[in-house]
Amino acid sequence: MTDIPFQLEAVRNRITAACRLSGRPPESVRLLAVSKTRTAAEVERAMAAGQLAFGENYVQEAVDKIRTLSHLPLEWHLIGPLQSNKTAEVAAHFAWVHSVDRLKIARRLSEQRPAGLPPLNICLQVNIDDEDSKSGCAPEDVEALARAVLSLPNVRLRGLMTIPRPGNTPAFAALSALRDRLLANIPALAASGFDTLSMGMSDDLEPAIAAGSTLVRVGTAIFGERATRKQETQAT
């Protein structure tokens, strides 16, 4: 069995070291523990070691886990692709959605956010590699999408997310530059709290941090290799 507290500490040390190399304070980077396909018990072990923010890819699996652990003060992030028939469940159960890539999804999340909950934090997913097989908004379309999302009442636009192809570390700098252009072109973004670059995973968190990541999404390095799902479905 993976020693989750030991692995968490090792990841935190990697983040601290990468921040120091980049001249950044370690607290400038948040760790999101990717708990997709992991059990509620594994999440509880990570929480006991001080981890409170968890990322999930599959909506129904995540909602079941969230309900099981509803007595705990956890923060849940959806990081997988999201289709419109699942937006109501996501709006009701998550604090963050990193994978918004079109206005229809953002609008539905805003409309379906339950009264009494704070605005849903969202990031725009950018297909920085322009890969046909990958979700995400094209870089040239991000500004128009950001302007439209800013007008929605029950979501809060927090930043950008990307999943570049393995080894494409220049993509991190490209996303950082895109974030800077958006802040320069849309002054209202700064006031809205547009402060997140969600990029970097177990194998590439160091170059992501060097390029300005503020949130790294780490699963394998914390929980170990996961078993292959017989049917790997997207968050639909």
Protein backbone atom coordinates (compact mmCIF):
# COMPACT_ATOMS: atom_id res chain seq x y z
CA MET A 1 0.00 0.00 0.00
CA THR A 2 1.30 3.44 -0.94
CA ASP A 3 2.46 5.55 1.99
CA ILE A 4 0.29 8.55 1.14
CA PRO A 5 1.59 10.89 3.89
CA PHE A 6 5.20 10.17 2.88
CA GLN A 7 4.42 10.73 -0.81
CA LEU A 8 2.55 13.94 -0.05
CA GLU A 9 5.52 15.29 1.84
CA ALA A 10 7.82 14.38 -1.04
CA VAL A 11 5.59 16.27 -3.49
CA ARG A 12 5.43 19.29 -1.20
CA ASN A 13 9.23 19.26 -1.01
CA ARG A 14 9.42 19.20 -4.81
CA ILE A 15 7.09 22.20 -4.98
CA THR A 16 9.15 24.09 -2.40
CA ALA A 17 12.40 23.34 -4.23
CA ALA A 18 10.94 24.38 -7.60
CA CYS A 19 9.64 27.63 -6.12
CA ARG A 20 13.01 28.46 -4.60
CA LEU A 21 14.75 27.86 -7.92
CA SER A 22 12.28 30.25 -9.53
CA GLY A 23 12.57 32.88 -6.81
CA ARG A 24 8.99 32.36 -5.72
CA PRO A 25 7.54 31.77 -2.23
CA PRO A 26 6.36 28.16 -1.81
CA GLU A 27 2.92 29.36 -0.75
CA SER A 28 2.42 30.83 -4.24
CA VAL A 29 1.70 27.30 -5.58
CA ARG A 30 -1.27 25.20 -4.43
CA LEU A 31 -1.24 21.42 -4.54
CA LEU A 32 -4.33 19.70 -5.91
CA ALA A 33 -4.33 15.98 -5.12
CA VAL A 34 -5.88 14.15 -8.07
CA SER A 35 -8.06 11.48 -6.51
CA LYS A 36 -9.83 10.08 -9.58
CA THR A 37 -10.37 6.30 -9.25
CA ARG A 38 -9.12 6.49 -5.65
CA THR A 39 -11.21 5.38 -2.70
CA ALA A 40 -12.76 7.56 -0.05
CA ALA A 41 -10.40 5.91 2.45
CA GLU A 42 -7.38 7.03 0.41
CA VAL A 43 -8.74 10.58 0.35
CA GLU A 44 -9.15 10.44 4.12
CA ARG A 45 -5.53 9.32 4.53
CA ALA A 46 -4.41 12.28 2.44
CA MET A 47 -6.57 14.63 4.47
CA ALA A 48 -5.05 13.30 7.69
CA ALA A 49 -1.70 14.39 6.24
CA GLY A 50 -3.00 17.92 5.70
CA GLN A 51 -4.34 17.79 2.12
CA LEU A 52 -7.76 19.42 1.68
CA ALA A 53 -8.11 20.08 -2.08
CA PHE A 54 -8.87 17.14 -4.38
CA GLY A 55 -9.33 16.88 -8.15
CA GLU A 56 -11.71 14.50 -9.90
CA ASN A 57 -12.26 13.62 -13.57
CA TYR A 58 -15.44 11.55 -13.63
CA VAL A 59 -18.59 13.26 -12.46
CA GLN A 60 -20.62 10.35 -11.07
CA GLU A 61 -17.63 8.77 -9.33
CA ALA A 62 -16.77 12.15 -7.85
CA VAL A 63 -20.29 12.93 -6.64
CA ASP A 64 -20.51 9.56 -4.89
CA LYS A 65 -17.20 10.26 -3.17
CA ILE A 66 -18.18 13.80 -2.24
CA ARG A 67 -21.38 12.55 -0.63
CA THR A 68 -19.51 9.85 1.29
CA LEU A 69 -17.05 12.44 2.61
CA SER A 70 -19.51 15.31 3.07
CA HIS A 71 -18.74 15.46 6.79
CA LEU A 72 -15.17 16.55 6.03
CA PRO A 73 -14.03 20.11 5.11
CA LEU A 74 -12.74 19.17 1.65
CA GLU A 75 -12.54 21.33 -1.47
CA TRP A 76 -13.49 19.52 -4.67
CA HIS A 77 -12.26 20.44 -8.15
CA LEU A 78 -13.51 18.98 -11.42
CA ILE A 79 -10.55 18.70 -13.79
CA GLY A 80 -12.00 16.37 -16.45
CA PRO A 81 -14.02 17.22 -19.56
CA LEU A 82 -17.56 18.31 -18.83
CA GLN A 83 -20.60 17.95 -21.06
CA SER A 84 -23.85 19.80 -20.61
CA ASN A 85 -25.90 16.90 -19.24
CA LYS A 86 -23.77 16.83 -16.07
CA THR A 87 -23.51 20.54 -15.33
CA ALA A 88 -26.27 20.55 -12.69
CA GLU A 89 -24.51 17.93 -10.56
CA VAL A 90 -21.21 19.72 -10.93
CA ALA A 91 -22.71 23.12 -10.06
CA ALA A 92 -24.21 21.62 -6.90
CA HIS A 93 -21.19 19.68 -5.61
CA PHE A 94 -17.93 21.30 -6.68
CA ALA A 95 -16.06 24.43 -5.62
CA TRP A 96 -13.95 24.61 -8.80
CA VAL A 97 -14.20 23.54 -12.44
CA HIS A 98 -10.95 23.67 -14.41
CA SER A 99 -12.26 22.40 -17.73
CA VAL A 100 -14.64 25.05 -19.06
CA ASP A 101 -13.98 25.42 -22.78
CA ARG A 102 -17.16 26.96 -24.17
CA LEU A 103 -19.74 29.52 -23.15
CA LYS A 104 -22.64 27.05 -23.09
CA ILE A 105 -21.01 25.12 -20.24
CA ALA A 106 -20.16 28.26 -18.26
CA ARG A 107 -23.68 29.60 -18.70
CA ARG A 108 -25.28 26.35 -17.51
CA LEU A 109 -22.99 26.20 -14.49
CA SER A 110 -23.99 29.75 -13.59
CA GLU A 111 -27.70 29.09 -14.04
CA GLN A 112 -27.59 25.83 -12.07
CA ARG A 113 -25.44 26.96 -9.14
CA PRO A 114 -27.69 26.49 -6.10
CA ALA A 115 -28.76 29.56 -4.15
CA GLY A 116 -26.78 29.95 -0.95
CA LEU A 117 -23.51 28.65 -2.40
CA PRO A 118 -20.70 31.05 -3.29
CA PRO A 119 -19.92 31.61 -6.96
CA LEU A 120 -18.37 28.57 -8.64
CA ASN A 121 -14.68 29.12 -9.38
CA ILE A 122 -13.86 28.25 -12.97
CA CYS A 123 -10.80 28.08 -15.18
CA LEU A 124 -10.87 28.13 -18.96
CA GLN A 125 -9.18 25.06 -20.41
CA VAL A 126 -6.87 25.98 -23.28
CA ASN A 127 -5.85 23.47 -25.95
CA ILE A 128 -2.39 24.94 -26.15
CA ASP A 129 -1.11 22.19 -28.48
CA ASP A 130 -4.09 22.40 -30.85
CA GLU A 131 -4.52 18.63 -30.59
CA ASP A 132 -7.70 17.24 -32.17
CA SER A 133 -8.03 14.59 -29.47
CA LYS A 134 -7.87 17.05 -26.58
CA SER A 135 -10.54 19.24 -25.02
CA GLY A 136 -10.00 22.95 -24.63
CA CYS A 137 -10.57 26.32 -26.19
CA ALA A 138 -8.22 27.45 -28.96
CA PRO A 139 -5.79 30.12 -27.68
CA GLU A 140 -7.09 32.68 -30.15
CA ASP A 141 -10.64 32.22 -28.84
CA VAL A 142 -9.88 32.56 -25.14
CA GLU A 143 -10.24 36.33 -24.88
CA ALA A 144 -13.76 36.38 -26.31
CA LEU A 145 -14.78 33.51 -24.02
CA ALA A 146 -13.29 35.26 -20.98
CA ARG A 147 -15.20 38.45 -21.73
CA ALA A 148 -18.46 36.52 -22.01
CA VAL A 149 -17.90 34.50 -18.84
CA LEU A 150 -17.18 37.64 -16.83
CA SER A 151 -20.81 38.70 -17.27
CA LEU A 152 -22.23 35.54 -15.68
CA PRO A 153 -23.52 36.06 -12.12
CA ASN A 154 -22.87 32.78 -10.33
CA VAL A 155 -19.41 31.82 -11.56
CA ARG A 156 -16.07 33.46 -10.86
CA LEU A 157 -13.44 33.35 -13.58
CA ARG A 158 -10.21 32.45 -11.79
CA GLY A 159 -7.72 31.60 -14.52
CA LEU A 160 -6.54 29.19 -17.19
CA MET A 161 -5.80 25.47 -17.32
CA THR A 162 -3.92 23.34 -19.81
CA ILE A 163 -2.76 19.75 -20.29
CA PRO A 164 0.05 19.90 -22.85
CA ARG A 165 1.32 16.79 -24.55
CA PRO A 166 4.12 15.03 -22.64
CA GLY A 167 7.44 16.82 -22.98
CA ASN A 168 6.00 20.05 -24.35
CA THR A 169 7.23 22.22 -21.49
CA PRO A 170 7.25 25.42 -23.64
CA ALA A 171 3.46 25.18 -23.51
CA PHE A 172 3.60 26.33 -19.90
CA ALA A 173 5.27 29.59 -20.84
CA ALA A 174 2.76 30.01 -23.66
CA LEU A 175 -0.15 29.73 -21.23
CA SER A 176 1.50 32.17 -18.84
CA ALA A 177 1.95 34.66 -21.68
CA LEU A 178 -1.70 34.22 -22.66
CA ARG A 179 -2.75 34.94 -19.08
CA ASP A 180 -0.68 38.14 -19.12
CA ARG A 181 -2.27 39.27 -22.41
CA LEU A 182 -5.74 38.69 -21.03
CA LEU A 183 -5.00 40.75 -17.93
CA ALA A 184 -3.64 43.56 -20.11
CA ASN A 185 -6.59 43.51 -22.52
CA ILE A 186 -9.42 42.98 -20.00
CA PRO A 187 -8.87 45.19 -16.93
CA ALA A 188 -11.94 43.74 -15.19
CA LEU A 189 -10.19 40.38 -14.88
CA ALA A 190 -7.83 41.60 -12.18
CA ALA A 191 -10.73 42.79 -10.05
CA SER A 192 -12.50 39.45 -10.45
CA GLY A 193 -9.61 37.48 -8.94
CA PHE A 194 -8.11 36.08 -12.14
CA ASP A 195 -5.09 34.61 -10.38
CA THR A 196 -4.78 30.93 -11.33
CA LEU A 197 -2.59 29.03 -13.79
CA SER A 198 -3.57 25.39 -13.40
CA MET A 199 -0.74 23.51 -15.04
CA GLY A 200 1.80 20.85 -14.15
CA MET A 201 1.36 17.26 -13.02
CA SER A 202 3.44 14.51 -11.40
CA ASP A 203 6.05 14.36 -14.18
CA ASP A 204 6.37 18.04 -15.05
CA LEU A 205 5.45 20.17 -12.06
CA GLU A 206 8.94 21.73 -11.88
CA PRO A 207 8.92 23.34 -15.37
CA ALA A 208 5.31 24.35 -14.84
CA ILE A 209 6.23 26.18 -11.64
CA ALA A 210 9.20 27.79 -13.38
CA ALA A 211 6.76 29.14 -15.99
CA GLY A 212 4.39 30.56 -13.38
CA SER A 213 1.97 27.80 -12.39
CA THR A 214 -0.04 28.60 -9.28
CA LEU A 215 -1.74 25.20 -8.99
CA VAL A 216 -0.29 21.78 -9.81
CA ARG A 217 -2.48 18.71 -10.25
CA VAL A 218 -0.72 15.64 -8.85
CA GLY A 219 -2.12 12.13 -8.60
CA THR A 220 0.38 9.34 -9.25
CA ALA A 221 3.18 10.88 -7.18
CA ILE A 222 0.82 10.96 -4.18
CA PHE A 223 -1.35 7.86 -4.52
CA GLY A 224 0.86 5.60 -6.66
CA GLU A 225 0.02 4.03 -9.99
CA ARG A 226 -3.68 3.57 -10.44
CA ALA A 227 -5.33 0.43 -11.76
CA THR A 228 -6.48 0.60 -15.37
CA ARG A 229 -10.22 1.07 -15.66
CA LYS A 230 -11.92 -1.48 -17.88
CA GLN A 231 -13.97 1.27 -19.40
CA GLU A 232 -12.36 4.69 -19.10
CA THR A 233 -15.21 7.13 -19.65
CA GLN A 234 -14.97 10.88 -19.80
CA ALA A 235 -16.96 13.17 -17.51
CA THR A 236 -20.13 13.18 -19.59
